[in-house]
Protein backbone atom coordinates (compact mmCIF):
# COMPACT_ATOMS: atom_id res chain seq x y z
CA UNK A 1 -77.91 -28.01 -104.91
CA UNK A 2 -80.91 -26.16 -103.51
CA UNK A 3 -79.91 -27.07 -99.97
CA UNK A 4 -76.46 -25.57 -100.52
CA UNK A 5 -78.05 -22.33 -101.73
CA UNK A 6 -80.33 -22.32 -98.66
CA UNK A 7 -77.28 -22.70 -96.41
CA UNK A 8 -75.41 -19.89 -98.18
CA UNK A 9 -78.45 -17.59 -98.14
CA UNK A 10 -79.08 -18.27 -94.46
CA UNK A 11 -75.42 -17.61 -93.65
CA UNK A 12 -75.53 -14.32 -95.59
CA UNK A 13 -78.63 -13.15 -93.73
CA UNK A 14 -77.05 -14.02 -90.37
CA UNK A 15 -73.83 -12.18 -91.24
CA UNK A 16 -75.76 -9.10 -92.40
CA UNK A 17 -77.85 -9.19 -89.22
CA UNK A 18 -74.63 -9.22 -87.19
CA UNK A 19 -73.36 -6.24 -89.20
CA UNK A 20 -76.54 -4.33 -88.35
CA UNK A 21 -76.14 -5.20 -84.67
CA UNK A 22 -72.55 -4.01 -84.94
CA UNK A 23 -73.82 -0.77 -86.44
CA UNK A 24 -76.16 -0.28 -83.48
CA UNK A 25 -73.29 -0.85 -81.05
CA UNK A 26 -71.15 1.62 -83.01
CA UNK A 27 -73.87 4.24 -82.61
CA UNK A 28 -73.62 3.82 -78.83
CA UNK A 29 -69.82 4.16 -78.59
CA UNK A 30 -69.26 6.76 -81.35
CA UNK A 31 -65.93 5.47 -82.70
CA UNK A 32 -63.28 7.45 -84.54
CA UNK A 33 -64.71 8.25 -88.02
CA UNK A 34 -61.50 7.03 -89.65
CA UNK A 35 -61.69 3.60 -88.00
CA UNK A 36 -61.57 1.11 -90.88
CA UNK A 37 -63.92 -1.40 -89.26
CA UNK A 38 -66.50 1.28 -88.45
CA UNK A 39 -66.33 2.65 -92.00
CA UNK A 40 -66.71 -0.89 -93.40
CA UNK A 41 -69.79 -1.60 -91.29
CA UNK A 42 -71.40 1.76 -92.12
CA UNK A 43 -70.79 1.32 -95.87
CA UNK A 44 -72.37 -2.13 -95.85
CA UNK A 45 -75.41 -1.27 -93.74
CA UNK A 46 -76.29 2.29 -94.79
CA UNK A 47 -77.77 1.29 -98.20
CA UNK A 48 -80.46 -0.65 -96.32
CA UNK A 49 -80.81 1.40 -93.14
CA UNK A 50 -80.84 4.80 -94.87
CA UNK A 51 -84.04 4.34 -96.89
CA UNK A 52 -85.83 2.76 -93.92
CA UNK A 53 -84.71 5.67 -91.73
CA UNK A 54 -86.18 8.14 -94.25
CA UNK A 55 -89.55 6.35 -94.21
CA UNK A 56 -89.67 5.75 -90.44
CA UNK A 57 -88.20 8.76 -88.64
CA UNK A 58 -86.63 8.48 -85.18
CA UNK A 59 -89.09 8.56 -82.32
CA UNK A 60 -87.78 10.76 -79.55
CA UNK A 61 -84.21 10.19 -80.65
CA UNK A 62 -84.69 6.41 -80.90
CA UNK A 63 -83.80 5.02 -84.33
CA UNK A 64 -86.10 2.08 -85.07
CA UNK A 65 -84.67 1.33 -88.52
CA UNK A 66 -82.27 -1.42 -87.34
CA UNK A 67 -85.14 -3.25 -85.61
CA UNK A 68 -87.34 -3.02 -88.69
CA UNK A 69 -84.53 -4.18 -90.96
CA UNK A 70 -83.70 -7.12 -88.69
CA UNK A 71 -87.36 -8.19 -88.67
CA UNK A 72 -87.47 -7.77 -92.44
CA UNK A 73 -84.38 -9.93 -92.86
CA UNK A 74 -85.95 -12.68 -90.75
CA UNK A 75 -89.19 -12.54 -92.76
CA UNK A 76 -87.30 -12.54 -96.07
CA UNK A 77 -85.17 -15.46 -94.93
CA UNK A 78 -88.24 -17.47 -93.93
CA UNK A 79 -90.05 -16.78 -97.19
CA UNK A 80 -87.06 -17.55 -99.42
CA UNK A 81 -86.15 -20.74 -97.54
CA UNK A 82 -89.75 -22.00 -97.71
CA UNK A 83 -89.92 -21.25 -101.43
CA UNK A 84 -86.64 -23.04 -102.08
CA UNK A 85 -87.70 -26.02 -99.99
CA UNK A 86 -90.89 -26.14 -102.05
CA UNK A 87 -88.82 -26.20 -105.23
CA UNK A 88 -86.60 -28.92 -103.79
CA UNK A 89 -89.64 -30.97 -102.84
CA UNK A 90 -88.79 -31.09 -99.17
């Protein structure tokens, strides 16, 4: 049961990481604001990127918030997986 949760959690973190990478790519191409996919990606990522962006402002026009969030996701994933493996005894 714990291993299934680890797999689901890991999948969720990978999918969210891909959404953040998609958000970065969207910022480079500047899509139509009414594009449904772009709106979907922005709505899912802005609740995490927005607060980080307020704490760490852009440096010379370079937004570092996606990098910090991606690193944070990797750290969170590692910590949670290790804790769950400890609970599972493996």
